[in-house]
């Protein structure tokens, strides 16, 4: 993989890659893996251009797992932090629960699948195939088959949080009432179809937000 990377980079950084190639080739020759040095030419500039290799099934599976349990999971955690207005510099304790293989995958890639989102690596707990016991101050997020249980006892003032959610819900409900009134009037018959559909989409979005807020208030 390293020699392939150097070959691909050579047209862009020829002096750097040529220097690295020479040092690495000598190190390889003097190592127990000297047999592999036969594929390394004396100088990189005359080395063959890498040929495309068929993608391995395990590579596809690993990439899909990383996409789910690192990228999508990180996005979900960041959204939760933003919704709760948690200081981005504060680290959150968390519990991770799910199938053993998936949890171990996250455990092995934790720097890319959670700590960048502000989880406290020293206070992470792992549970296999069963959910942990949680308190009312725990936010539960699911990505794929894995659940993240963010422990927010020390980060959220429950009274302030409830007031904030109630205020947001009241505002959203006012939008819902306004749009329902608009769509039940002559507007729905007289306005262009695209304009009417746009207002219906807005209404649908507000209703979805209202349900999420009600769920958080329970």
N, C-alpha and C. Protein backbone atom coordinates (compact mmCIF):
# COMPACT_ATOMS: atom_id res chain seq x y z
N UNK A 1 0.82 -1.20 0.00
CA UNK A 1 0.00 0.00 0.00
C UNK A 1 0.86 1.26 0.00
N UNK A 2 1.98 1.23 0.79
CA UNK A 2 2.83 2.42 0.87
C UNK A 2 3.51 2.69 -0.47
N UNK A 3 4.02 1.63 -1.10
CA UNK A 3 4.69 1.86 -2.38
C UNK A 3 3.70 2.33 -3.45
N UNK A 4 2.45 1.84 -3.37
CA UNK A 4 1.42 2.29 -4.30
C UNK A 4 1.11 3.77 -4.09
N UNK A 5 1.04 4.18 -2.84
CA UNK A 5 0.77 5.59 -2.54
C UNK A 5 1.88 6.49 -3.06
N UNK A 6 3.11 6.05 -2.90
CA UNK A 6 4.24 6.85 -3.39
C UNK A 6 4.22 6.97 -4.91
N UNK A 7 3.87 5.88 -5.59
CA UNK A 7 3.80 5.92 -7.07
C UNK A 7 2.71 6.89 -7.54
N UNK A 8 1.57 6.86 -6.85
CA UNK A 8 0.47 7.74 -7.25
C UNK A 8 0.78 9.21 -6.97
N UNK A 9 1.52 9.46 -5.90
CA UNK A 9 1.85 10.84 -5.54
C UNK A 9 3.02 11.41 -6.33
N UNK A 10 3.82 10.54 -6.92
CA UNK A 10 5.07 10.97 -7.55
C UNK A 10 4.90 12.09 -8.60
N UNK A 11 3.88 12.05 -9.48
CA UNK A 11 3.76 13.14 -10.46
C UNK A 11 3.53 14.51 -9.82
N UNK A 12 3.02 14.53 -8.58
CA UNK A 12 2.68 15.79 -7.93
C UNK A 12 3.79 16.29 -6.99
N UNK A 13 4.48 15.35 -6.35
CA UNK A 13 5.57 15.75 -5.43
C UNK A 13 6.80 14.88 -5.71
N UNK A 14 7.38 15.00 -6.90
CA UNK A 14 8.46 14.08 -7.31
C UNK A 14 9.68 14.07 -6.41
N UNK A 15 10.10 15.22 -5.91
CA UNK A 15 11.32 15.25 -5.10
C UNK A 15 11.10 14.57 -3.75
N UNK A 16 9.95 14.85 -3.15
CA UNK A 16 9.64 14.25 -1.84
C UNK A 16 9.48 12.74 -1.95
N UNK A 17 8.66 12.31 -2.91
CA UNK A 17 8.40 10.87 -3.05
C UNK A 17 9.64 10.10 -3.46
N UNK A 18 10.49 10.69 -4.28
CA UNK A 18 11.73 10.01 -4.70
C UNK A 18 12.65 9.81 -3.50
N UNK A 19 12.72 10.84 -2.66
CA UNK A 19 13.56 10.75 -1.45
C UNK A 19 13.03 9.68 -0.50
N UNK A 20 11.71 9.69 -0.28
CA UNK A 20 11.10 8.68 0.60
C UNK A 20 11.29 7.28 0.05
N UNK A 21 11.09 7.14 -1.25
CA UNK A 21 11.25 5.84 -1.91
C UNK A 21 12.65 5.26 -1.65
N UNK A 22 13.68 6.10 -1.83
CA UNK A 22 15.06 5.63 -1.64
C UNK A 22 15.32 5.17 -0.22
N UNK A 23 14.88 5.97 0.77
CA UNK A 23 15.11 5.60 2.18
C UNK A 23 14.34 4.34 2.55
N UNK A 24 13.09 4.26 2.12
CA UNK A 24 12.26 3.10 2.47
C UNK A 24 12.76 1.83 1.79
N UNK A 25 13.25 1.97 0.57
CA UNK A 25 13.77 0.80 -0.16
C UNK A 25 14.98 0.23 0.57
N UNK A 26 15.89 1.10 1.01
CA UNK A 26 17.07 0.63 1.75
C UNK A 26 16.68 -0.01 3.08
N UNK A 27 15.69 0.59 3.75
CA UNK A 27 15.23 0.03 5.02
C UNK A 27 14.59 -1.34 4.81
N UNK A 28 13.89 -1.49 3.72
CA UNK A 28 13.25 -2.77 3.40
C UNK A 28 14.28 -3.84 3.09
N UNK A 29 15.32 -3.47 2.37
CA UNK A 29 16.38 -4.42 2.01
C UNK A 29 17.09 -4.94 3.26
N UNK A 30 17.25 -4.05 4.26
CA UNK A 30 17.95 -4.43 5.49
C UNK A 30 17.05 -5.07 6.54
N UNK A 31 15.79 -5.32 6.18
CA UNK A 31 14.84 -5.88 7.14
C UNK A 31 14.54 -7.34 6.83
N UNK A 32 13.82 -8.04 7.73
CA UNK A 32 13.43 -9.44 7.46
C UNK A 32 12.50 -9.56 6.25
N UNK A 33 11.96 -8.44 5.76
CA UNK A 33 11.06 -8.46 4.61
C UNK A 33 11.79 -8.11 3.32
N UNK A 34 13.10 -8.39 3.29
CA UNK A 34 13.92 -8.00 2.14
C UNK A 34 13.39 -8.58 0.83
N UNK A 35 12.70 -9.71 0.91
CA UNK A 35 12.15 -10.35 -0.30
C UNK A 35 11.20 -9.41 -1.04
N UNK A 36 10.50 -8.54 -0.29
CA UNK A 36 9.54 -7.63 -0.91
C UNK A 36 10.22 -6.52 -1.69
N UNK A 37 11.51 -6.30 -1.42
CA UNK A 37 12.22 -5.20 -2.08
C UNK A 37 12.41 -5.44 -3.58
N UNK A 38 12.19 -6.67 -4.03
CA UNK A 38 12.37 -6.95 -5.46
C UNK A 38 11.38 -6.18 -6.32
N UNK A 39 10.26 -5.77 -5.74
CA UNK A 39 9.27 -4.99 -6.48
C UNK A 39 9.57 -3.49 -6.45
N UNK A 40 10.61 -3.10 -5.70
CA UNK A 40 10.98 -1.69 -5.59
C UNK A 40 12.17 -1.41 -6.51
N UNK A 41 11.96 -0.62 -7.54
CA UNK A 41 13.05 -0.26 -8.46
C UNK A 41 14.05 0.64 -7.75
N UNK A 42 15.26 0.77 -8.34
CA UNK A 42 16.29 1.60 -7.71
C UNK A 42 15.81 3.03 -7.51
N UNK A 43 15.08 3.55 -8.48
CA UNK A 43 14.52 4.90 -8.37
C UNK A 43 13.04 4.85 -8.70
N UNK A 44 12.28 5.71 -8.07
CA UNK A 44 10.82 5.69 -8.21
C UNK A 44 10.37 6.10 -9.61
N UNK A 45 11.12 6.98 -10.27
CA UNK A 45 10.67 7.53 -11.55
C UNK A 45 10.49 6.46 -12.62
N UNK A 46 11.16 5.31 -12.47
CA UNK A 46 11.03 4.25 -13.48
C UNK A 46 10.11 3.12 -13.00
N UNK A 47 9.53 3.29 -11.82
CA UNK A 47 8.62 2.26 -11.29
C UNK A 47 7.34 2.21 -12.11
N UNK A 48 6.74 1.05 -12.20
CA UNK A 48 5.50 0.90 -12.96
C UNK A 48 4.35 1.63 -12.28
N UNK A 49 3.44 2.14 -13.10
CA UNK A 49 2.23 2.79 -12.58
C UNK A 49 1.32 1.73 -11.99
N UNK A 50 0.74 1.95 -10.83
CA UNK A 50 -0.13 0.93 -10.20
C UNK A 50 -1.32 0.57 -11.08
N UNK A 51 -1.67 -0.71 -11.07
CA UNK A 51 -2.83 -1.17 -11.83
C UNK A 51 -4.03 -1.27 -10.89
N UNK A 52 -5.23 -0.97 -11.42
CA UNK A 52 -6.44 -1.07 -10.58
C UNK A 52 -6.60 -2.47 -10.02
N UNK A 53 -6.99 -2.56 -8.76
CA UNK A 53 -7.20 -3.85 -8.11
C UNK A 53 -8.68 -4.06 -7.84
N UNK A 54 -9.17 -5.26 -7.99
CA UNK A 54 -10.59 -5.52 -7.69
C UNK A 54 -10.87 -5.24 -6.22
N UNK A 55 -12.02 -4.63 -5.96
CA UNK A 55 -12.38 -4.29 -4.59
C UNK A 55 -12.75 -5.55 -3.82
N UNK A 56 -12.23 -5.66 -2.61
CA UNK A 56 -12.50 -6.83 -1.78
C UNK A 56 -13.78 -6.61 -0.98
N UNK A 57 -14.50 -7.69 -0.76
CA UNK A 57 -15.76 -7.59 -0.03
C UNK A 57 -15.58 -6.99 1.36
N UNK A 58 -14.47 -7.40 2.02
CA UNK A 58 -14.25 -6.90 3.38
C UNK A 58 -13.99 -5.40 3.40
N UNK A 59 -13.41 -4.88 2.30
CA UNK A 59 -13.17 -3.44 2.22
C UNK A 59 -14.50 -2.70 2.09
N UNK A 60 -15.41 -3.24 1.29
CA UNK A 60 -16.73 -2.62 1.13
C UNK A 60 -17.47 -2.61 2.45
N UNK A 61 -17.43 -3.74 3.17
CA UNK A 61 -18.12 -3.85 4.45
C UNK A 61 -17.54 -2.88 5.47
N UNK A 62 -16.20 -2.77 5.50
CA UNK A 62 -15.55 -1.85 6.44
C UNK A 62 -15.92 -0.41 6.14
N UNK A 63 -15.94 -0.06 4.86
CA UNK A 63 -16.28 1.32 4.47
C UNK A 63 -17.72 1.63 4.85
N UNK A 64 -18.64 0.69 4.63
CA UNK A 64 -20.04 0.91 4.98
C UNK A 64 -20.22 1.06 6.49
N UNK A 65 -19.48 0.24 7.24
CA UNK A 65 -19.54 0.32 8.69
C UNK A 65 -19.01 1.66 9.18
N UNK A 66 -17.89 2.08 8.58
CA UNK A 66 -17.30 3.35 8.98
C UNK A 66 -18.25 4.50 8.67
N UNK A 67 -18.90 4.42 7.52
CA UNK A 67 -19.85 5.47 7.12
C UNK A 67 -20.99 5.56 8.14
N UNK A 68 -21.46 4.40 8.59
CA UNK A 68 -22.58 4.38 9.54
C UNK A 68 -22.14 4.75 10.95
N UNK A 69 -21.11 4.04 11.46
CA UNK A 69 -20.76 4.16 12.87
C UNK A 69 -19.75 5.25 13.17
N UNK A 70 -19.25 5.91 12.15
CA UNK A 70 -18.38 7.06 12.39
C UNK A 70 -19.05 8.33 11.89
N UNK A 71 -19.25 8.43 10.58
CA UNK A 71 -19.74 9.68 10.00
C UNK A 71 -21.18 9.99 10.41
N UNK A 72 -22.12 9.04 10.15
CA UNK A 72 -23.52 9.30 10.48
C UNK A 72 -23.72 9.43 11.98
N UNK A 73 -23.00 8.62 12.72
CA UNK A 73 -23.12 8.64 14.18
C UNK A 73 -22.60 9.96 14.73
N UNK A 74 -21.48 10.40 14.21
CA UNK A 74 -20.92 11.69 14.65
C UNK A 74 -21.90 12.83 14.36
N UNK A 75 -22.51 12.80 13.18
CA UNK A 75 -23.47 13.83 12.80
C UNK A 75 -24.65 13.84 13.77
N UNK A 76 -25.11 12.67 14.16
CA UNK A 76 -26.24 12.55 15.08
C UNK A 76 -25.89 13.12 16.45
N UNK A 77 -24.69 12.81 16.93
CA UNK A 77 -24.25 13.30 18.24
C UNK A 77 -24.08 14.82 18.22
N UNK A 78 -23.52 15.32 17.15
CA UNK A 78 -23.33 16.78 17.03
C UNK A 78 -24.69 17.49 17.03
N UNK A 79 -25.64 16.93 16.32
CA UNK A 79 -26.99 17.53 16.29
C UNK A 79 -27.61 17.56 17.68
N UNK A 80 -27.44 16.46 18.42
CA UNK A 80 -28.00 16.39 19.77
C UNK A 80 -27.36 17.45 20.67
N UNK A 81 -26.06 17.62 20.55
CA UNK A 81 -25.37 18.63 21.35
C UNK A 81 -25.89 20.03 21.01
N UNK A 82 -26.08 20.27 19.72
CA UNK A 82 -26.55 21.59 19.29
C UNK A 82 -27.96 21.85 19.79
N UNK A 83 -28.83 20.83 19.71
CA UNK A 83 -30.22 20.98 20.17
C UNK A 83 -30.28 21.28 21.67
N UNK A 84 -29.38 20.66 22.42
CA UNK A 84 -29.38 20.86 23.88
C UNK A 84 -28.53 22.06 24.28
N UNK A 85 -27.92 22.70 23.28
CA UNK A 85 -27.08 23.89 23.51
C UNK A 85 -25.97 23.61 24.52
N UNK A 86 -25.27 22.50 24.32
CA UNK A 86 -24.17 22.12 25.20
C UNK A 86 -22.87 22.75 24.69
N UNK A 87 -22.11 23.32 25.60
CA UNK A 87 -20.83 23.94 25.26
C UNK A 87 -19.99 22.95 24.45
N UNK A 88 -19.55 23.33 23.24
CA UNK A 88 -18.79 22.41 22.39
C UNK A 88 -17.47 21.95 22.99
N UNK A 89 -16.98 22.66 24.03
CA UNK A 89 -15.71 22.29 24.64
C UNK A 89 -15.88 21.27 25.77
N UNK A 90 -17.12 21.01 26.17
CA UNK A 90 -17.36 20.07 27.27
C UNK A 90 -17.50 18.65 26.74
N UNK A 91 -16.85 17.70 27.43
CA UNK A 91 -16.91 16.30 27.03
C UNK A 91 -18.06 15.60 27.76
N UNK A 92 -18.81 14.78 27.04
CA UNK A 92 -20.00 14.13 27.59
C UNK A 92 -19.73 12.65 27.87
N UNK A 93 -20.08 12.16 29.07
CA UNK A 93 -20.03 10.71 29.32
C UNK A 93 -21.09 10.03 28.47
N UNK A 94 -20.83 8.80 28.06
CA UNK A 94 -21.79 8.12 27.19
C UNK A 94 -21.71 6.61 27.38
N UNK A 95 -22.82 5.95 27.10
CA UNK A 95 -22.86 4.49 27.07
C UNK A 95 -23.21 4.06 25.65
N UNK A 96 -22.55 3.03 25.18
CA UNK A 96 -22.75 2.53 23.82
C UNK A 96 -23.23 1.09 23.90
N UNK A 97 -24.35 0.80 23.24
CA UNK A 97 -24.94 -0.52 23.34
C UNK A 97 -25.35 -1.03 21.96
N UNK A 98 -25.13 -2.33 21.72
CA UNK A 98 -25.52 -2.92 20.45
C UNK A 98 -24.88 -4.28 20.25
N UNK A 99 -25.01 -4.87 19.06
CA UNK A 99 -24.37 -6.15 18.78
C UNK A 99 -22.86 -6.08 19.02
N UNK A 100 -22.30 -7.16 19.50
CA UNK A 100 -20.89 -7.15 19.91
C UNK A 100 -19.96 -6.71 18.79
N UNK A 101 -20.15 -7.21 17.57
CA UNK A 101 -19.27 -6.87 16.46
C UNK A 101 -19.29 -5.37 16.17
N UNK A 102 -20.49 -4.79 16.18
CA UNK A 102 -20.61 -3.36 15.88
C UNK A 102 -20.03 -2.49 16.99
N UNK A 103 -20.30 -2.88 18.24
CA UNK A 103 -19.77 -2.12 19.37
C UNK A 103 -18.24 -2.19 19.38
N UNK A 104 -17.69 -3.37 19.10
CA UNK A 104 -16.23 -3.52 19.07
C UNK A 104 -15.62 -2.73 17.92
N UNK A 105 -16.35 -2.63 16.80
CA UNK A 105 -15.87 -1.82 15.68
C UNK A 105 -15.74 -0.36 16.12
N UNK A 106 -16.76 0.15 16.81
CA UNK A 106 -16.72 1.52 17.31
C UNK A 106 -15.59 1.67 18.33
N UNK A 107 -15.45 0.67 19.18
CA UNK A 107 -14.41 0.71 20.21
C UNK A 107 -13.03 0.81 19.57
N UNK A 108 -12.86 0.11 18.46
CA UNK A 108 -11.56 0.12 17.77
C UNK A 108 -11.31 1.36 16.95
N UNK A 109 -12.37 2.13 16.67
CA UNK A 109 -12.24 3.34 15.86
C UNK A 109 -12.78 4.56 16.60
N UNK A 110 -12.65 4.55 17.92
CA UNK A 110 -13.33 5.56 18.72
C UNK A 110 -12.87 6.97 18.41
N UNK A 111 -11.63 7.16 18.02
CA UNK A 111 -11.17 8.52 17.72
C UNK A 111 -11.88 9.07 16.49
N UNK A 112 -12.39 8.18 15.65
CA UNK A 112 -13.09 8.65 14.45
C UNK A 112 -14.59 8.44 14.55
N UNK A 113 -15.06 7.92 15.68
CA UNK A 113 -16.48 7.61 15.76
C UNK A 113 -17.12 8.07 17.07
N UNK A 114 -16.73 9.23 17.53
CA UNK A 114 -17.41 9.72 18.72
C UNK A 114 -16.65 10.78 19.46
N UNK A 115 -15.36 10.55 19.77
CA UNK A 115 -14.64 11.52 20.57
C UNK A 115 -14.50 12.84 19.84
N UNK A 116 -14.50 12.82 18.51
CA UNK A 116 -14.46 14.07 17.75
C UNK A 116 -15.76 14.85 17.93
N UNK A 117 -16.79 14.17 18.40
CA UNK A 117 -18.08 14.84 18.63
C UNK A 117 -18.22 15.31 20.07
N UNK A 118 -17.17 15.14 20.85
CA UNK A 118 -17.22 15.63 22.22
C UNK A 118 -17.63 14.60 23.25
N UNK A 119 -17.43 13.30 22.97
CA UNK A 119 -17.68 12.28 23.99
C UNK A 119 -16.41 12.13 24.84
N UNK A 120 -16.60 11.88 26.13
CA UNK A 120 -15.47 11.72 27.04
C UNK A 120 -14.98 10.27 26.95
N UNK A 121 -13.84 10.09 26.32
CA UNK A 121 -13.32 8.74 26.09
C UNK A 121 -13.06 8.00 27.40
N UNK A 122 -12.72 8.73 28.45
CA UNK A 122 -12.43 8.10 29.75
C UNK A 122 -13.70 7.66 30.48
N UNK A 123 -14.85 8.15 30.02
CA UNK A 123 -16.11 7.79 30.69
C UNK A 123 -17.07 7.06 29.76
N UNK A 124 -16.53 6.39 28.77
CA UNK A 124 -17.37 5.59 27.87
C UNK A 124 -17.60 4.21 28.46
N UNK A 125 -18.83 3.74 28.38
CA UNK A 125 -19.16 2.39 28.84
C UNK A 125 -19.76 1.62 27.66
N UNK A 126 -19.42 0.33 27.56
CA UNK A 126 -19.87 -0.49 26.44
C UNK A 126 -20.76 -1.62 26.93
N UNK A 127 -21.87 -1.81 26.23
CA UNK A 127 -22.81 -2.87 26.58
C UNK A 127 -23.10 -3.71 25.33
N UNK A 128 -22.99 -5.02 25.48
CA UNK A 128 -23.21 -5.91 24.35
C UNK A 128 -24.61 -6.52 24.39
N UNK A 129 -25.35 -6.31 23.32
CA UNK A 129 -26.64 -6.98 23.11
C UNK A 129 -27.72 -6.66 24.15
N UNK A 130 -27.50 -5.64 24.96
CA UNK A 130 -28.57 -5.25 25.90
C UNK A 130 -28.41 -3.77 26.22
N UNK A 131 -29.53 -3.05 26.36
CA UNK A 131 -29.45 -1.62 26.67
C UNK A 131 -29.11 -1.40 28.14
N UNK A 132 -28.42 -0.33 28.46
CA UNK A 132 -28.10 -0.03 29.86
C UNK A 132 -29.28 0.62 30.56
N UNK A 133 -29.22 0.68 31.87
CA UNK A 133 -30.23 1.41 32.63
C UNK A 133 -29.96 2.90 32.46
N UNK A 134 -31.01 3.67 32.25
CA UNK A 134 -30.82 5.10 31.99
C UNK A 134 -31.69 5.95 32.91
N UNK A 135 -31.28 7.21 33.07
CA UNK A 135 -32.05 8.16 33.85
C UNK A 135 -32.80 9.09 32.90
N UNK A 136 -33.63 9.96 33.45
CA UNK A 136 -34.41 10.88 32.62
C UNK A 136 -33.53 11.91 31.93
N UNK A 137 -32.28 12.06 32.41
CA UNK A 137 -31.37 13.04 31.82
C UNK A 137 -30.49 12.43 30.74
N UNK A 138 -30.86 11.25 30.26
CA UNK A 138 -30.08 10.59 29.22
C UNK A 138 -30.76 10.74 27.86
N UNK A 139 -30.00 11.17 26.88
CA UNK A 139 -30.52 11.28 25.51
C UNK A 139 -30.08 10.03 24.75
N UNK A 140 -31.03 9.36 24.11
CA UNK A 140 -30.74 8.13 23.39
C UNK A 140 -30.76 8.38 21.89
N UNK A 141 -29.68 8.00 21.21
CA UNK A 141 -29.56 8.15 19.76
C UNK A 141 -29.26 6.79 19.15
N UNK A 142 -29.93 6.47 18.05
CA UNK A 142 -29.68 5.19 17.39
C UNK A 142 -29.12 5.42 16.00
N UNK A 143 -28.02 4.72 15.72
CA UNK A 143 -27.43 4.73 14.39
C UNK A 143 -27.20 3.28 14.00
N UNK A 144 -27.86 2.84 12.93
CA UNK A 144 -27.77 1.42 12.59
C UNK A 144 -28.33 0.61 13.74
N UNK A 145 -27.57 -0.38 14.19
CA UNK A 145 -28.03 -1.24 15.28
C UNK A 145 -27.43 -0.84 16.63
N UNK A 146 -26.77 0.30 16.67
CA UNK A 146 -26.09 0.73 17.89
C UNK A 146 -26.79 1.94 18.50
N UNK A 147 -26.91 1.93 19.83
CA UNK A 147 -27.50 3.05 20.54
C UNK A 147 -26.43 3.80 21.33
N UNK A 148 -26.48 5.12 21.25
CA UNK A 148 -25.62 5.97 22.07
C UNK A 148 -26.48 6.60 23.15
N UNK A 149 -26.05 6.47 24.39
CA UNK A 149 -26.81 7.00 25.53
C UNK A 149 -25.98 8.13 26.14
N UNK A 150 -26.32 9.36 25.78
CA UNK A 150 -25.57 10.52 26.25
C UNK A 150 -26.07 10.93 27.63
N UNK A 151 -25.17 10.92 28.61
CA UNK A 151 -25.54 11.23 29.99
C UNK A 151 -25.37 12.73 30.22
N UNK A 152 -26.48 13.44 30.34
CA UNK A 152 -26.46 14.90 30.36
C UNK A 152 -26.78 15.51 31.72
N UNK A 153 -26.71 14.70 32.79
CA UNK A 153 -27.07 15.19 34.13
C UNK A 153 -26.40 16.52 34.47
N UNK A 154 -25.11 16.64 34.15
CA UNK A 154 -24.34 17.81 34.56
C UNK A 154 -24.29 18.90 33.49
N UNK A 155 -25.06 18.71 32.41
CA UNK A 155 -24.93 19.65 31.31
C UNK A 155 -26.21 20.42 31.01
N UNK A 156 -27.33 19.89 31.45
CA UNK A 156 -28.61 20.51 31.09
C UNK A 156 -29.42 20.84 32.34
N UNK A 157 -29.82 22.10 32.46
CA UNK A 157 -30.75 22.52 33.51
C UNK A 157 -32.14 22.12 33.04
N UNK A 158 -32.74 21.12 33.70
CA UNK A 158 -34.00 20.55 33.22
C UNK A 158 -35.14 21.58 33.16
N UNK A 159 -35.18 22.48 34.11
CA UNK A 159 -36.25 23.49 34.09
C UNK A 159 -36.09 24.43 32.89
N UNK A 160 -34.86 24.88 32.67
CA UNK A 160 -34.59 25.75 31.53
C UNK A 160 -34.83 25.02 30.22
N UNK A 161 -34.42 23.73 30.20
CA UNK A 161 -34.58 22.95 28.98
C UNK A 161 -36.06 22.76 28.66
N UNK A 162 -36.87 22.50 29.69
CA UNK A 162 -38.31 22.33 29.47
C UNK A 162 -38.95 23.63 28.99
N UNK A 163 -38.53 24.73 29.57
CA UNK A 163 -39.06 26.03 29.15
C UNK A 163 -38.70 26.32 27.70
N UNK A 164 -37.47 25.97 27.34
CA UNK A 164 -37.03 26.19 25.97
C UNK A 164 -37.84 25.35 24.99
N UNK A 165 -38.05 24.08 25.34
CA UNK A 165 -38.80 23.18 24.46
C UNK A 165 -40.26 23.63 24.32
N UNK A 166 -40.84 24.05 25.44
CA UNK A 166 -42.24 24.52 25.41
C UNK A 166 -42.38 25.77 24.54
N UNK A 167 -41.39 26.65 24.64
CA UNK A 167 -41.41 27.88 23.83
C UNK A 167 -41.30 27.54 22.34
N UNK A 168 -40.40 26.61 22.03
CA UNK A 168 -40.23 26.19 20.63
C UNK A 168 -41.49 25.52 20.10
N UNK A 169 -42.11 24.67 20.94
CA UNK A 169 -43.32 23.97 20.53
C UNK A 169 -44.46 24.96 20.27
N UNK A 170 -44.57 25.96 21.12
CA UNK A 170 -45.62 26.97 20.94
C UNK A 170 -45.43 27.71 19.62
N UNK A 171 -44.19 28.04 19.31
CA UNK A 171 -43.91 28.74 18.06
C UNK A 171 -44.21 27.86 16.85
N UNK A 172 -43.82 26.59 16.94
CA UNK A 172 -44.07 25.65 15.84
C UNK A 172 -45.57 25.45 15.64
N UNK A 173 -46.31 25.32 16.73
CA UNK A 173 -47.77 25.13 16.62
C UNK A 173 -48.45 26.34 15.99
N UNK A 174 -47.92 27.53 16.24
CA UNK A 174 -48.49 28.73 15.62
C UNK A 174 -48.29 28.68 14.11
N UNK A 175 -47.14 28.17 13.68
CA UNK A 175 -46.90 28.01 12.23
C UNK A 175 -47.85 26.97 11.64
N UNK A 176 -48.08 25.89 12.38
CA UNK A 176 -48.98 24.84 11.91
C UNK A 176 -50.40 25.39 11.74
N UNK A 177 -50.87 26.12 12.73
CA UNK A 177 -52.22 26.70 12.66
C UNK A 177 -52.34 27.67 11.49
N UNK A 178 -51.30 28.49 11.28
CA UNK A 178 -51.34 29.46 10.19
C UNK A 178 -51.40 28.75 8.83
N UNK A 179 -50.57 27.71 8.66
CA UNK A 179 -50.53 27.00 7.39
C UNK A 179 -51.80 26.18 7.15
N UNK A 180 -52.33 25.58 8.20
CA UNK A 180 -53.58 24.82 8.05
C UNK A 180 -54.72 25.74 7.63
N UNK A 181 -54.75 26.93 8.22
CA UNK A 181 -55.78 27.91 7.86
C UNK A 181 -55.61 28.36 6.42
N UNK A 182 -54.35 28.58 6.02
CA UNK A 182 -54.07 29.02 4.66
C UNK A 182 -54.47 27.95 3.64
N UNK A 183 -54.11 26.70 3.93
CA UNK A 183 -54.36 25.61 2.98
C UNK A 183 -55.83 25.19 2.93
N UNK A 184 -56.61 25.61 3.93
CA UNK A 184 -58.05 25.30 3.90
C UNK A 184 -58.85 26.45 3.28
N UNK A 185 -58.15 27.51 2.88
CA UNK A 185 -58.82 28.67 2.26
C UNK A 185 -58.79 28.55 0.73
N UNK A 186 -59.24 29.60 0.05
CA UNK A 186 -59.24 29.62 -1.42
C UNK A 186 -57.84 29.58 -2.00
N UNK A 187 -56.85 29.87 -1.16
CA UNK A 187 -55.46 29.86 -1.61
C UNK A 187 -55.11 28.53 -2.28
N UNK A 188 -55.59 27.43 -1.66
CA UNK A 188 -55.25 26.10 -2.17
C UNK A 188 -55.81 25.86 -3.58
N UNK A 189 -56.89 26.56 -3.94
CA UNK A 189 -57.50 26.38 -5.25
C UNK A 189 -57.00 27.38 -6.29
N UNK A 190 -56.59 28.55 -5.82
CA UNK A 190 -56.24 29.62 -6.74
C UNK A 190 -54.73 29.73 -7.01
N UNK A 191 -53.92 29.40 -6.03
CA UNK A 191 -52.46 29.54 -6.19
C UNK A 191 -51.92 28.44 -7.09
N UNK A 192 -50.76 28.67 -7.76
CA UNK A 192 -50.14 27.64 -8.59
C UNK A 192 -49.86 26.38 -7.77
N UNK A 193 -49.95 25.23 -8.41
CA UNK A 193 -49.79 23.95 -7.71
C UNK A 193 -48.45 23.85 -6.99
N UNK A 194 -47.40 24.36 -7.62
CA UNK A 194 -46.06 24.27 -7.02
C UNK A 194 -45.99 25.09 -5.73
N UNK A 195 -46.65 26.24 -5.73
CA UNK A 195 -46.65 27.10 -4.53
C UNK A 195 -47.43 26.44 -3.40
N UNK A 196 -48.57 25.85 -3.75
CA UNK A 196 -49.39 25.15 -2.74
C UNK A 196 -48.62 23.98 -2.14
N UNK A 197 -47.94 23.23 -3.02
CA UNK A 197 -47.18 22.07 -2.55
C UNK A 197 -46.06 22.49 -1.61
N UNK A 198 -45.45 23.63 -1.91
CA UNK A 198 -44.39 24.14 -1.06
C UNK A 198 -44.91 24.43 0.34
N UNK A 199 -46.09 25.00 0.44
CA UNK A 199 -46.69 25.29 1.75
C UNK A 199 -47.07 24.00 2.47
N UNK A 200 -47.52 23.01 1.71
CA UNK A 200 -47.85 21.71 2.31
C UNK A 200 -46.60 21.03 2.87
N UNK A 201 -45.51 21.17 2.14
CA UNK A 201 -44.25 20.60 2.62
C UNK A 201 -43.79 21.28 3.90
N UNK A 202 -43.97 22.59 3.95
CA UNK A 202 -43.63 23.34 5.17
C UNK A 202 -44.47 22.83 6.35
N UNK A 203 -45.77 22.65 6.09
CA UNK A 203 -46.67 22.17 7.14
C UNK A 203 -46.23 20.80 7.65
N UNK A 204 -45.88 19.93 6.70
CA UNK A 204 -45.43 18.59 7.06
C UNK A 204 -44.16 18.65 7.92
N UNK A 205 -43.25 19.55 7.56
CA UNK A 205 -42.02 19.70 8.32
C UNK A 205 -42.28 20.21 9.73
N UNK A 206 -43.18 21.20 9.86
CA UNK A 206 -43.50 21.73 11.18
C UNK A 206 -44.18 20.67 12.06
N UNK A 207 -45.04 19.86 11.45
CA UNK A 207 -45.71 18.80 12.22
C UNK A 207 -44.70 17.78 12.73
N UNK A 208 -43.73 17.46 11.89
CA UNK A 208 -42.69 16.51 12.29
C UNK A 208 -41.88 17.08 13.45
N UNK A 209 -41.54 18.37 13.37
CA UNK A 209 -40.80 19.03 14.44
C UNK A 209 -41.60 19.04 15.73
N UNK A 210 -42.90 19.31 15.62
CA UNK A 210 -43.77 19.34 16.79
C UNK A 210 -43.78 17.99 17.51
N UNK A 211 -43.84 16.90 16.73
CA UNK A 211 -43.83 15.57 17.33
C UNK A 211 -42.54 15.30 18.07
N UNK A 212 -41.42 15.74 17.51
CA UNK A 212 -40.13 15.54 18.16
C UNK A 212 -40.05 16.33 19.47
N UNK A 213 -40.57 17.56 19.45
CA UNK A 213 -40.56 18.39 20.64
C UNK A 213 -41.45 17.79 21.73
N UNK A 214 -42.61 17.29 21.32
CA UNK A 214 -43.53 16.67 22.30
C UNK A 214 -42.87 15.43 22.92
N UNK A 215 -42.15 14.70 22.09
CA UNK A 215 -41.48 13.49 22.58
C UNK A 215 -40.42 13.84 23.61
N UNK A 216 -39.70 14.95 23.37
CA UNK A 216 -38.66 15.37 24.31
C UNK A 216 -39.26 15.91 25.61
N UNK A 217 -40.46 16.41 25.54
CA UNK A 217 -41.12 16.98 26.72
C UNK A 217 -41.70 15.90 27.63
N UNK A 218 -41.88 14.69 27.10
CA UNK A 218 -42.47 13.63 27.91
C UNK A 218 -41.49 13.17 29.00
